[in-house]
N, C-alpha and C. Protein backbone atom coordinates (compact mmCIF):
# COMPACT_ATOMS: atom_id res chain seq x y z
N UNK A 1 18.66 -66.81 -0.07
CA UNK A 1 17.88 -66.93 -0.86
C UNK A 1 17.64 -66.11 -2.35
N UNK A 2 18.35 -65.00 -2.06
CA UNK A 2 18.95 -64.57 -3.46
C UNK A 2 19.32 -64.84 -4.92
N UNK A 3 20.60 -65.77 -4.47
CA UNK A 3 21.10 -65.98 -5.08
C UNK A 3 20.21 -67.50 -5.68
N UNK A 4 20.00 -68.09 -5.01
CA UNK A 4 18.51 -68.78 -5.17
C UNK A 4 17.71 -68.38 -6.34
N UNK A 5 17.15 -67.36 -6.03
CA UNK A 5 16.39 -66.54 -7.16
C UNK A 5 17.17 -66.74 -8.49
N UNK A 6 18.13 -66.52 -8.36
CA UNK A 6 19.09 -65.75 -9.97
C UNK A 6 19.24 -67.16 -10.46
N UNK A 7 19.74 -68.17 -9.35
CA UNK A 7 19.83 -69.38 -9.59
C UNK A 7 18.65 -69.70 -10.41
N UNK A 8 17.79 -70.27 -9.98
CA UNK A 8 16.74 -70.61 -10.98
C UNK A 8 16.02 -69.71 -11.56
N UNK A 9 15.92 -68.70 -11.65
CA UNK A 9 15.06 -68.17 -12.99
C UNK A 9 15.98 -67.07 -13.60
N UNK A 10 17.12 -66.78 -13.40
CA UNK A 10 18.37 -66.24 -14.03
C UNK A 10 17.46 -64.95 -14.66
N UNK A 11 17.60 -65.02 -15.76
CA UNK A 11 17.48 -63.00 -16.29
C UNK A 11 15.78 -62.43 -16.21
N UNK A 12 15.29 -63.84 -15.93
CA UNK A 12 13.43 -63.15 -15.57
C UNK A 12 13.77 -62.65 -13.93
N UNK A 13 14.63 -63.27 -13.45
CA UNK A 13 14.55 -63.68 -11.44
C UNK A 13 14.90 -61.94 -11.38
N UNK A 14 16.46 -61.39 -12.21
CA UNK A 14 16.66 -60.19 -12.55
C UNK A 14 15.56 -59.11 -12.41
N UNK A 15 14.68 -59.36 -13.94
CA UNK A 15 13.96 -58.37 -14.59
C UNK A 15 12.83 -58.64 -13.81
N UNK A 16 11.98 -59.20 -12.95
CA UNK A 16 11.26 -59.79 -11.57
C UNK A 16 11.52 -58.35 -10.51
N UNK A 17 12.86 -58.87 -9.81
CA UNK A 17 12.61 -57.84 -8.78
C UNK A 17 13.06 -56.61 -9.28
N UNK A 18 13.74 -56.13 -10.29
CA UNK A 18 13.93 -54.73 -10.24
C UNK A 18 13.13 -54.39 -10.47
N UNK A 19 11.79 -54.34 -11.59
CA UNK A 19 11.25 -53.82 -11.93
C UNK A 19 10.15 -53.92 -10.89
N UNK A 20 10.10 -54.74 -9.79
CA UNK A 20 9.20 -54.48 -8.77
C UNK A 20 10.14 -53.30 -7.82
N UNK A 21 11.15 -53.62 -7.35
CA UNK A 21 11.70 -52.30 -6.72
C UNK A 21 11.18 -51.20 -7.45
N UNK A 22 11.63 -50.78 -8.74
CA UNK A 22 11.47 -49.23 -9.95
C UNK A 22 10.15 -48.87 -9.67
N UNK A 23 8.89 -49.77 -9.23
CA UNK A 23 7.49 -48.65 -8.55
C UNK A 23 7.00 -49.04 -6.97
N UNK A 24 8.26 -49.53 -6.90
CA UNK A 24 7.85 -48.94 -5.43
C UNK A 24 7.34 -50.10 -4.54
N UNK A 25 7.15 -51.37 -4.54
CA UNK A 25 7.73 -52.72 -4.32
C UNK A 25 8.69 -52.93 -3.03
N UNK A 26 9.16 -53.40 -2.25
CA UNK A 26 9.74 -53.33 -1.78
C UNK A 26 10.34 -55.05 -2.29
N UNK A 27 11.92 -54.71 -3.14
CA UNK A 27 11.87 -55.54 -3.86
C UNK A 27 13.57 -55.48 -4.13
N UNK A 28 14.38 -57.02 -4.01
CA UNK A 28 15.92 -56.09 -3.82
C UNK A 28 16.29 -56.42 -4.79
N UNK A 29 16.04 -55.63 -6.18
CA UNK A 29 16.47 -55.40 -7.69
C UNK A 29 17.74 -54.80 -7.75
N UNK A 30 18.76 -53.96 -6.72
CA UNK A 30 19.97 -53.49 -6.60
C UNK A 30 20.67 -55.05 -6.51
N UNK A 31 20.55 -55.45 -5.45
CA UNK A 31 21.01 -56.69 -4.96
C UNK A 31 20.71 -58.04 -6.04
N UNK A 32 19.79 -57.94 -6.61
CA UNK A 32 19.63 -58.79 -8.12
C UNK A 32 20.75 -58.33 -9.07
N UNK A 33 20.69 -57.57 -9.51
CA UNK A 33 21.37 -56.98 -10.76
C UNK A 33 22.88 -57.22 -10.45
N UNK A 34 23.60 -57.08 -9.22
CA UNK A 34 24.85 -57.61 -8.63
C UNK A 34 24.96 -58.92 -8.83
N UNK A 35 23.77 -59.37 -7.78
CA UNK A 35 24.38 -61.21 -8.03
C UNK A 35 24.11 -61.92 -9.56
N UNK A 36 23.70 -61.07 -10.26
CA UNK A 36 23.42 -61.74 -11.82
C UNK A 36 24.75 -61.29 -12.65
N UNK A 37 25.32 -60.03 -12.20
CA UNK A 37 26.52 -59.72 -12.45
C UNK A 37 27.58 -60.46 -12.05
N UNK A 38 27.56 -60.94 -10.96
CA UNK A 38 28.54 -61.89 -10.11
C UNK A 38 28.43 -63.01 -10.90
N UNK A 39 27.48 -63.53 -10.85
CA UNK A 39 27.12 -64.93 -12.22
C UNK A 39 27.61 -64.89 -13.27
N UNK A 40 27.53 -64.06 -13.95
CA UNK A 40 28.06 -63.79 -15.54
C UNK A 40 29.28 -63.58 -15.15
N UNK A 41 30.13 -62.95 -14.19
CA UNK A 41 31.52 -63.12 -14.05
C UNK A 41 31.80 -64.51 -13.73
N UNK A 42 31.12 -65.15 -13.25
CA UNK A 42 31.27 -67.01 -13.02
C UNK A 42 31.58 -68.19 -14.18
N UNK A 43 30.90 -66.98 -15.37
CA UNK A 43 29.99 -67.50 -16.43
C UNK A 43 29.08 -68.25 -16.31
N UNK A 44 28.23 -68.31 -15.59
CA UNK A 44 27.24 -68.76 -15.59
C UNK A 44 25.65 -68.01 -16.04
N UNK A 45 25.95 -66.86 -16.36
CA UNK A 45 25.21 -66.08 -16.91
C UNK A 45 25.81 -65.14 -18.47
N UNK A 46 25.05 -64.52 -19.17
CA UNK A 46 25.77 -63.71 -20.24
C UNK A 46 25.35 -62.23 -19.24
N UNK A 47 26.49 -61.30 -19.62
CA UNK A 47 26.73 -59.64 -18.54
C UNK A 47 25.78 -59.36 -19.77
N UNK A 48 25.62 -59.31 -20.69
CA UNK A 48 24.57 -58.52 -21.51
C UNK A 48 23.19 -58.73 -21.18
N UNK A 49 23.26 -60.23 -21.16
CA UNK A 49 21.65 -60.35 -20.91
C UNK A 49 21.34 -60.01 -19.06
N UNK A 50 22.21 -59.97 -18.36
CA UNK A 50 22.32 -59.31 -17.20
C UNK A 50 22.05 -57.93 -16.87
N UNK A 51 22.47 -57.14 -17.91
CA UNK A 51 22.83 -55.86 -17.92
C UNK A 51 21.03 -55.25 -18.59
N UNK A 52 20.57 -56.03 -20.02
CA UNK A 52 19.87 -55.51 -20.53
C UNK A 52 18.28 -56.09 -19.34
N UNK A 53 18.15 -56.83 -18.97
CA UNK A 53 17.12 -57.41 -18.22
C UNK A 53 16.82 -56.28 -17.18
N UNK A 54 18.05 -56.01 -16.08
CA UNK A 54 18.01 -54.80 -14.96
C UNK A 54 17.48 -53.61 -15.95
N UNK A 55 18.27 -53.19 -16.61
CA UNK A 55 17.87 -51.89 -17.52
C UNK A 55 16.80 -51.80 -18.00
N UNK A 56 15.65 -52.83 -18.91
CA UNK A 56 14.48 -52.51 -19.34
C UNK A 56 13.58 -52.44 -18.07
N UNK A 57 13.61 -53.73 -17.13
CA UNK A 57 13.18 -53.75 -15.71
C UNK A 57 12.75 -52.60 -15.07
N UNK A 58 13.79 -51.69 -15.03
CA UNK A 58 14.58 -50.48 -14.74
C UNK A 58 13.35 -49.35 -15.13
N UNK A 59 13.76 -49.02 -16.15
CA UNK A 59 12.57 -48.05 -17.10
C UNK A 59 11.54 -48.45 -17.35
N UNK A 60 10.64 -49.52 -17.61
CA UNK A 60 9.34 -50.02 -17.46
C UNK A 60 8.54 -50.11 -16.00
N UNK A 61 9.17 -50.95 -14.84
CA UNK A 61 9.31 -50.60 -13.58
C UNK A 61 8.71 -48.41 -12.88
N UNK A 62 9.75 -47.52 -13.68
CA UNK A 62 10.16 -46.46 -13.10
C UNK A 62 8.36 -46.03 -13.82
N UNK A 63 8.38 -46.29 -15.05
CA UNK A 63 7.75 -45.55 -15.42
C UNK A 63 6.10 -46.03 -15.23
N UNK A 64 6.15 -47.62 -15.03
CA UNK A 64 4.61 -47.55 -14.35
C UNK A 64 3.87 -47.07 -12.81
N UNK A 65 5.39 -46.72 -11.75
CA UNK A 65 5.51 -45.97 -11.27
C UNK A 65 4.73 -44.29 -11.14
N UNK A 66 5.47 -43.55 -12.52
CA UNK A 66 5.21 -42.30 -12.88
C UNK A 66 3.68 -42.64 -13.46
N UNK A 67 3.12 -43.30 -13.93
CA UNK A 67 1.83 -43.63 -14.35
C UNK A 67 0.40 -43.92 -13.26
N UNK A 68 1.47 -44.49 -11.83
CA UNK A 68 0.15 -44.73 -11.16
C UNK A 68 0.50 -43.31 -10.29
N UNK A 69 1.76 -42.39 -10.00
CA UNK A 69 1.13 -41.71 -9.41
C UNK A 69 1.11 -40.17 -10.36
N UNK A 70 0.65 -40.10 -11.21
CA UNK A 70 -0.11 -38.87 -12.64
C UNK A 70 -1.68 -39.85 -12.39
N UNK A 71 -1.59 -40.40 -12.41
CA UNK A 71 -3.87 -41.36 -12.05
C UNK A 71 -4.25 -40.72 -10.90
N UNK A 72 -3.01 -41.89 -9.88
CA UNK A 72 -3.54 -41.87 -8.39
C UNK A 72 -3.58 -40.40 -8.23
N UNK A 73 -2.03 -39.38 -8.10
CA UNK A 73 -2.20 -38.27 -7.77
C UNK A 73 -2.56 -37.95 -6.28
N UNK A 74 -2.74 -37.02 -5.79
CA UNK A 74 -2.58 -36.08 -4.54
C UNK A 74 -3.17 -37.26 -3.58
N UNK A 75 -4.77 -37.63 -4.26
CA UNK A 75 -5.40 -38.19 -3.26
C UNK A 75 -4.69 -39.62 -2.78
N UNK A 76 -3.74 -40.21 -3.71
CA UNK A 76 -2.88 -41.45 -3.18
C UNK A 76 -1.88 -41.09 -2.41
N UNK A 77 -1.12 -40.32 -1.75
CA UNK A 77 -0.19 -39.35 -1.02
C UNK A 77 -1.26 -39.23 -0.08
N UNK A 78 -2.26 -38.18 0.04
CA UNK A 78 -3.13 -38.32 0.96
C UNK A 78 -3.70 -39.47 1.74
N UNK A 79 -3.82 -40.11 1.29
CA UNK A 79 -4.12 -41.33 1.55
C UNK A 79 -3.36 -42.37 2.46
N UNK A 80 -1.91 -43.31 1.71
CA UNK A 80 -1.22 -44.14 1.97
C UNK A 80 0.55 -43.31 2.58
N UNK A 81 0.32 -42.27 2.16
CA UNK A 81 1.28 -40.81 2.89
C UNK A 81 1.96 -41.45 3.97
N UNK A 82 0.75 -41.26 4.85
CA UNK A 82 1.63 -41.03 6.34
C UNK A 82 1.69 -42.79 6.89
N UNK A 83 1.85 -43.97 5.87
CA UNK A 83 2.40 -44.64 6.76
C UNK A 83 3.83 -45.22 6.01
N UNK A 84 4.27 -44.02 5.10
CA UNK A 84 5.78 -43.84 5.04
C UNK A 84 6.24 -42.85 5.29
N UNK A 85 5.47 -41.76 6.14
CA UNK A 85 5.67 -40.55 6.76
C UNK A 85 5.65 -39.26 5.69
N UNK A 86 4.72 -39.76 4.87
CA UNK A 86 4.59 -38.69 4.01
C UNK A 86 3.72 -38.07 3.79
N UNK A 87 3.67 -36.58 4.93
CA UNK A 87 1.85 -35.86 5.07
C UNK A 87 2.06 -34.92 4.21
N UNK A 88 0.97 -34.70 3.47
CA UNK A 88 0.64 -33.73 2.81
C UNK A 88 1.59 -32.17 2.36
N UNK A 89 2.52 -31.61 3.43
CA UNK A 89 2.96 -30.72 3.87
C UNK A 89 4.37 -30.99 3.50
N UNK A 90 4.60 -32.33 3.89
CA UNK A 90 6.23 -32.77 3.38
C UNK A 90 6.21 -32.71 1.92
N UNK A 91 4.74 -33.39 1.61
CA UNK A 91 4.87 -33.42 -0.31
C UNK A 91 4.52 -32.65 -0.89
N UNK A 92 4.33 -31.43 -0.24
CA UNK A 92 4.30 -30.19 -0.98
C UNK A 92 6.04 -29.64 -1.10
N UNK A 93 7.00 -29.67 0.12
CA UNK A 93 8.17 -29.39 -0.45
C UNK A 93 8.90 -30.43 -1.09
N UNK A 94 8.56 -31.70 -1.76
CA UNK A 94 8.73 -32.27 -2.21
C UNK A 94 8.57 -31.84 -3.78
N UNK A 95 7.18 -31.53 -4.39
CA UNK A 95 6.80 -31.03 -5.16
C UNK A 95 7.90 -30.08 -6.10
N UNK A 96 7.68 -28.88 -4.76
CA UNK A 96 8.29 -27.74 -5.48
C UNK A 96 9.95 -28.12 -5.76
N UNK A 97 10.35 -29.22 -5.00
CA UNK A 97 11.68 -29.55 -5.26
C UNK A 97 12.12 -30.03 -6.02
N UNK A 98 11.06 -30.69 -6.20
CA UNK A 98 11.23 -31.67 -8.14
C UNK A 98 10.85 -30.74 -9.36
N UNK A 99 10.14 -30.04 -8.62
CA UNK A 99 9.72 -28.77 -10.28
C UNK A 99 10.81 -27.87 -10.73
N UNK A 100 12.35 -27.73 -9.61
CA UNK A 100 12.85 -27.35 -9.71
C UNK A 100 14.42 -28.05 -10.28
N UNK A 101 14.28 -28.70 -9.73
CA UNK A 101 15.28 -30.12 -9.72
C UNK A 101 14.98 -31.71 -10.46
N UNK A 102 13.76 -31.27 -10.93
CA UNK A 102 13.42 -32.83 -11.45
C UNK A 102 14.11 -33.66 -12.15
N UNK A 103 15.03 -32.92 -13.08
CA UNK A 103 15.72 -33.94 -14.13
C UNK A 103 16.86 -34.41 -13.36
N UNK A 104 17.79 -33.66 -12.51
CA UNK A 104 18.85 -34.57 -11.87
C UNK A 104 18.54 -35.16 -10.28
N UNK A 105 16.86 -35.04 -9.67
CA UNK A 105 16.50 -36.19 -9.29
C UNK A 105 16.22 -37.12 -9.64
N UNK A 106 15.91 -37.39 -11.26
CA UNK A 106 15.10 -38.60 -11.24
C UNK A 106 16.61 -39.64 -11.99
N UNK A 107 17.76 -38.58 -12.18
CA UNK A 107 18.94 -39.60 -12.53
C UNK A 107 19.97 -39.92 -11.42
N UNK A 108 19.80 -39.34 -10.21
CA UNK A 108 20.48 -39.09 -9.02
C UNK A 108 19.25 -40.25 -8.21
N UNK A 109 18.60 -40.35 -7.89
CA UNK A 109 17.40 -41.10 -7.10
C UNK A 109 17.73 -42.37 -7.56
N UNK A 110 17.51 -43.06 -9.19
CA UNK A 110 18.37 -44.44 -8.83
C UNK A 110 19.72 -44.39 -8.39
N UNK A 111 20.59 -44.42 -8.04
CA UNK A 111 21.35 -44.86 -6.81
C UNK A 111 21.53 -44.32 -5.73
N UNK A 112 20.19 -44.12 -5.06
CA UNK A 112 19.59 -44.20 -3.85
C UNK A 112 18.83 -44.35 -3.03
N UNK A 113 19.34 -45.26 -2.32
CA UNK A 113 17.70 -46.92 -1.55
C UNK A 113 16.82 -45.72 -1.05
N UNK A 114 15.88 -45.64 -1.54
CA UNK A 114 14.30 -45.14 -0.42
C UNK A 114 13.92 -44.04 -1.67
N UNK A 115 14.87 -43.57 -2.63
CA UNK A 115 14.59 -42.64 -3.27
C UNK A 115 14.28 -43.64 -4.64
N UNK A 116 15.10 -44.13 -5.20
CA UNK A 116 15.19 -45.37 -5.95
C UNK A 116 12.86 -45.63 -6.22
N UNK A 117 13.22 -46.22 -5.24
CA UNK A 117 11.47 -47.52 -5.40
C UNK A 117 10.55 -46.24 -5.81
N UNK A 118 10.37 -44.46 -4.75
CA UNK A 118 9.70 -43.85 -5.06
C UNK A 118 9.85 -43.27 -6.75
N UNK A 119 11.28 -43.09 -7.09
CA UNK A 119 11.07 -42.15 -8.18
C UNK A 119 9.97 -41.74 -8.75
N UNK A 120 9.77 -42.47 -9.76
CA UNK A 120 8.52 -42.16 -10.59
C UNK A 120 7.53 -42.08 -10.00
N UNK A 121 6.79 -42.90 -8.69
CA UNK A 121 5.82 -42.32 -8.78
C UNK A 121 5.39 -40.85 -8.14
N UNK A 122 6.55 -39.93 -6.95
CA UNK A 122 6.91 -38.93 -7.22
C UNK A 122 7.26 -37.97 -8.65
N UNK A 123 7.87 -38.21 -9.36
CA UNK A 123 8.06 -37.56 -10.80
C UNK A 123 6.31 -37.14 -11.28
N UNK A 124 5.40 -38.69 -11.14
CA UNK A 124 3.93 -38.94 -11.76
C UNK A 124 3.06 -37.29 -10.84
N UNK A 125 3.14 -37.81 -9.73
CA UNK A 125 2.41 -37.14 -8.83
C UNK A 125 2.93 -35.50 -8.69
N UNK A 126 3.49 -35.03 -9.18
CA UNK A 126 4.45 -33.79 -9.01
C UNK A 126 4.01 -32.94 -10.15
N UNK A 127 3.43 -33.83 -11.32
CA UNK A 127 3.61 -33.54 -12.91
C UNK A 127 4.30 -33.51 -14.05
N UNK A 128 5.71 -33.67 -13.97
CA UNK A 128 6.56 -33.63 -14.61
C UNK A 128 5.76 -34.26 -15.59
N UNK A 129 6.06 -33.75 -16.92
CA UNK A 129 6.06 -34.41 -18.25
C UNK A 129 6.50 -35.50 -18.54
N UNK A 130 6.20 -36.63 -19.03
CA UNK A 130 6.26 -38.00 -19.40
C UNK A 130 8.13 -37.96 -20.25
N UNK A 131 7.25 -37.12 -21.03
CA UNK A 131 8.38 -37.31 -21.62
C UNK A 131 9.77 -36.87 -21.58
N UNK A 132 9.59 -35.82 -20.32
CA UNK A 132 11.29 -35.37 -20.08
C UNK A 132 11.30 -36.47 -19.20
N UNK A 133 10.29 -36.85 -17.99
CA UNK A 133 10.86 -38.22 -16.60
C UNK A 133 11.32 -39.38 -17.84
N UNK A 134 10.73 -39.33 -18.74
CA UNK A 134 11.13 -40.98 -19.72
C UNK A 134 12.98 -40.49 -19.36
N UNK A 135 13.17 -39.86 -20.50
CA UNK A 135 14.12 -38.92 -20.74
C UNK A 135 15.33 -39.32 -19.90
N UNK A 136 15.02 -38.85 -18.49
CA UNK A 136 15.86 -38.85 -17.64
C UNK A 136 15.91 -39.67 -16.82
N UNK A 137 15.36 -40.82 -16.99
CA UNK A 137 14.86 -41.94 -16.19
C UNK A 137 15.95 -43.07 -17.09
N UNK A 138 15.38 -42.87 -18.51
CA UNK A 138 16.50 -43.81 -19.14
C UNK A 138 18.08 -43.50 -19.23
N UNK A 139 18.52 -42.29 -18.67
CA UNK A 139 20.11 -41.94 -18.47
C UNK A 139 20.55 -42.51 -16.97
N UNK A 140 19.58 -42.59 -15.87
CA UNK A 140 19.50 -42.92 -14.60
C UNK A 140 20.04 -44.38 -14.60
N UNK A 141 18.89 -45.05 -15.72
CA UNK A 141 18.52 -46.70 -15.30
C UNK A 141 20.62 -47.22 -16.10
N UNK A 142 20.50 -46.03 -17.43
CA UNK A 142 21.74 -47.61 -17.81
C UNK A 142 23.03 -46.84 -17.01
N UNK A 143 23.15 -45.65 -16.47
CA UNK A 143 24.89 -45.26 -15.38
C UNK A 143 24.32 -46.42 -14.37
N UNK A 144 22.94 -46.62 -14.33
CA UNK A 144 22.80 -47.44 -12.69
C UNK A 144 23.35 -48.71 -12.71
N UNK A 145 22.43 -49.36 -14.25
CA UNK A 145 22.90 -50.27 -14.72
C UNK A 145 24.48 -50.61 -14.82
N UNK A 146 25.37 -49.71 -15.35
CA UNK A 146 26.27 -49.91 -16.13
C UNK A 146 27.60 -50.08 -14.92
N UNK A 147 27.15 -49.09 -13.66
CA UNK A 147 27.82 -49.69 -12.68
C UNK A 147 28.05 -50.86 -12.15
N UNK A 148 26.76 -50.92 -11.53
CA UNK A 148 26.50 -51.89 -10.75
C UNK A 148 26.92 -53.44 -11.29
N UNK A 149 26.95 -53.57 -13.07
CA UNK A 149 26.92 -55.26 -13.85
C UNK A 149 28.51 -54.76 -14.23
N UNK A 150 29.10 -53.91 -13.98
CA UNK A 150 30.42 -53.12 -14.31
C UNK A 150 30.79 -54.30 -12.54
N UNK A 151 30.23 -54.19 -11.33
CA UNK A 151 30.85 -53.90 -10.33
C UNK A 151 30.76 -55.22 -9.95
N UNK A 152 29.73 -55.82 -10.36
CA UNK A 152 28.96 -57.38 -9.69
C UNK A 152 29.93 -58.17 -10.60
N UNK A 153 30.38 -57.87 -12.21
CA UNK A 153 31.17 -58.49 -13.05
C UNK A 153 32.29 -59.29 -12.52
N UNK A 154 33.27 -57.58 -12.26
CA UNK A 154 34.61 -57.76 -11.84
C UNK A 154 34.87 -58.72 -10.15
N UNK A 155 33.63 -58.32 -9.81
CA UNK A 155 33.97 -59.20 -8.09
C UNK A 155 33.73 -60.52 -8.46
N UNK A 156 32.86 -61.12 -8.35
CA UNK A 156 33.19 -62.43 -9.30
C UNK A 156 32.91 -63.25 -8.20
N UNK A 157 33.91 -64.42 -7.48
CA UNK A 157 33.54 -64.44 -6.14
C UNK A 157 33.44 -63.71 -4.69
N UNK A 158 33.85 -62.42 -5.18
CA UNK A 158 33.82 -61.75 -3.45
C UNK A 158 33.14 -60.86 -3.95
N UNK A 159 31.63 -60.47 -4.59
CA UNK A 159 31.15 -59.68 -4.29
C UNK A 159 30.62 -59.60 -2.60
N UNK A 160 30.38 -60.42 -2.04
CA UNK A 160 29.81 -59.92 -0.73
C UNK A 160 30.68 -58.97 -0.39
N UNK A 161 31.51 -59.91 -0.44
CA UNK A 161 32.98 -58.56 0.35
C UNK A 161 32.73 -56.52 0.10
N UNK A 162 32.81 -57.04 -1.70
CA UNK A 162 32.65 -55.25 -2.18
C UNK A 162 31.62 -55.16 -1.77
N UNK A 163 30.44 -55.46 -1.83
CA UNK A 163 29.05 -54.83 -1.62
C UNK A 163 29.23 -54.18 -0.05
N UNK A 164 29.40 -54.96 0.47
CA UNK A 164 29.56 -54.64 1.88
C UNK A 164 30.48 -53.00 2.30
N UNK A 165 31.68 -53.05 1.44
CA UNK A 165 32.52 -52.11 1.39
C UNK A 165 31.96 -50.79 1.15
N UNK A 166 30.97 -51.09 -0.52
CA UNK A 166 30.27 -50.43 -1.36
C UNK A 166 29.57 -49.57 -0.29
N UNK A 167 28.63 -50.91 0.50
CA UNK A 167 27.27 -49.94 1.37
C UNK A 167 28.25 -49.00 2.46
N UNK A 168 28.97 -49.31 3.40
CA UNK A 168 29.82 -48.47 3.90
C UNK A 168 29.82 -46.77 3.50
N UNK A 169 30.72 -47.25 2.70
CA UNK A 169 30.90 -45.86 2.05
C UNK A 169 29.91 -44.92 1.27
N UNK A 170 28.79 -45.67 1.07
CA UNK A 170 27.93 -45.13 0.38
C UNK A 170 27.24 -44.63 1.15
N UNK A 171 26.88 -44.88 2.60
CA UNK A 171 26.37 -44.22 3.59
C UNK A 171 27.09 -42.81 4.19
N UNK A 172 28.21 -42.86 3.85
CA UNK A 172 28.84 -41.62 3.48
C UNK A 172 29.01 -40.66 2.63
N UNK A 173 28.90 -41.11 1.84
CA UNK A 173 28.47 -40.09 0.33
C UNK A 173 27.03 -39.91 0.67
N UNK A 174 26.27 -40.67 1.15
CA UNK A 174 24.76 -39.47 1.47
C UNK A 174 24.85 -39.01 2.00
N UNK A 175 25.40 -39.07 3.38
CA UNK A 175 25.36 -37.92 4.35
C UNK A 175 26.58 -37.31 4.06
N UNK A 176 27.29 -37.11 2.96
CA UNK A 176 28.11 -35.62 2.51
C UNK A 176 26.71 -35.34 1.58
N UNK A 177 26.12 -35.42 1.01
CA UNK A 177 25.29 -35.11 -0.03
C UNK A 177 24.30 -34.43 0.92
N UNK A 178 23.79 -35.14 1.68
CA UNK A 178 22.79 -34.15 2.54
C UNK A 178 23.27 -33.03 3.00
N UNK A 179 24.40 -33.27 3.77
CA UNK A 179 24.85 -32.03 4.87
C UNK A 179 25.12 -30.89 3.64
N UNK A 180 25.66 -31.47 2.05
CA UNK A 180 25.98 -29.86 1.18
C UNK A 180 24.41 -29.53 1.04
N UNK A 181 23.29 -30.41 0.82
CA UNK A 181 22.36 -30.05 0.51
C UNK A 181 22.15 -29.42 1.20
N UNK A 182 21.55 -29.44 2.86
CA UNK A 182 21.30 -28.55 3.78
C UNK A 182 22.07 -27.59 3.77
N UNK A 183 23.41 -27.28 3.78
CA UNK A 183 23.99 -26.37 3.74
C UNK A 183 24.09 -25.34 2.46
N UNK A 184 23.35 -25.78 1.37
CA UNK A 184 23.18 -25.06 0.53
C UNK A 184 21.49 -24.05 0.94
N UNK A 185 20.56 -24.80 0.94
CA UNK A 185 20.03 -24.60 1.87
C UNK A 185 19.61 -23.00 2.62
N UNK A 186 20.90 -23.35 3.84
CA UNK A 186 20.83 -22.51 4.78
C UNK A 186 21.41 -21.45 4.26
N UNK A 187 22.21 -21.76 2.68
CA UNK A 187 22.70 -20.04 2.69
C UNK A 187 21.95 -19.29 1.79
N UNK A 188 20.93 -19.83 1.08
CA UNK A 188 19.97 -19.38 -0.04
C UNK A 188 18.52 -18.82 0.89
N UNK A 189 18.67 -19.44 1.91
CA UNK A 189 17.87 -18.71 3.46
C UNK A 189 18.44 -17.57 3.34
N UNK A 190 19.38 -17.70 4.04
CA UNK A 190 20.26 -16.39 4.34
C UNK A 190 20.40 -15.08 3.93
N UNK A 191 20.77 -15.58 2.72
CA UNK A 191 20.55 -14.89 1.01
C UNK A 191 19.72 -14.12 0.96
N UNK A 192 18.51 -14.53 1.34
CA UNK A 192 17.08 -14.40 1.08
C UNK A 192 16.84 -13.25 2.26
N UNK A 193 17.34 -13.85 3.68
CA UNK A 193 16.48 -12.99 5.11
C UNK A 193 17.16 -11.68 4.35
N UNK A 194 18.62 -12.26 4.14
CA UNK A 194 19.46 -10.34 4.44
C UNK A 194 18.83 -9.54 3.12
N UNK A 195 18.17 -9.63 1.93
CA UNK A 195 17.85 -9.19 1.43
C UNK A 195 16.40 -8.26 1.26
N UNK A 196 15.58 -9.56 1.81
CA UNK A 196 14.41 -9.07 2.41
C UNK A 196 14.33 -7.80 2.91
């Protein structure tokens, strides 16, 4: 189905899937980028066109998400948050974390399934200044597009096997990152407890 979308709509298909994914609609944006780059590797599309389509879609989509969050704010989370297990209490923690680590999160979230879709929305709701958000968002999008367009382009006919291998190791990387984050939080909590 995805290959049919890329085959039929080309750059527009890549742009559409990526922009929808970037502002929170479940769509295969990353897969469309990789598939488009693989098509370019086979000579069916131009790799620069693929990369630019995905880059602009990622930046615009995240910006749409940002403004939805900025305008909708807390009422948006309180109304629709429970559908995705985002309670007001959890969102309070997300806001505090975003206030301290916002720029890093904006860049890293582009590479993490689930965070990528709500990156802009959370930044907008938590009040990150738009200029700061868009600067880090452009960096994250450029790194993300650079990685996956290069990987897809070099993969050529082996894109399915490579994607499966990357997905397997990506889960391991995410688990290690989460464990490192939890360890960091636990150590800080213990230090504060001993200082009190």
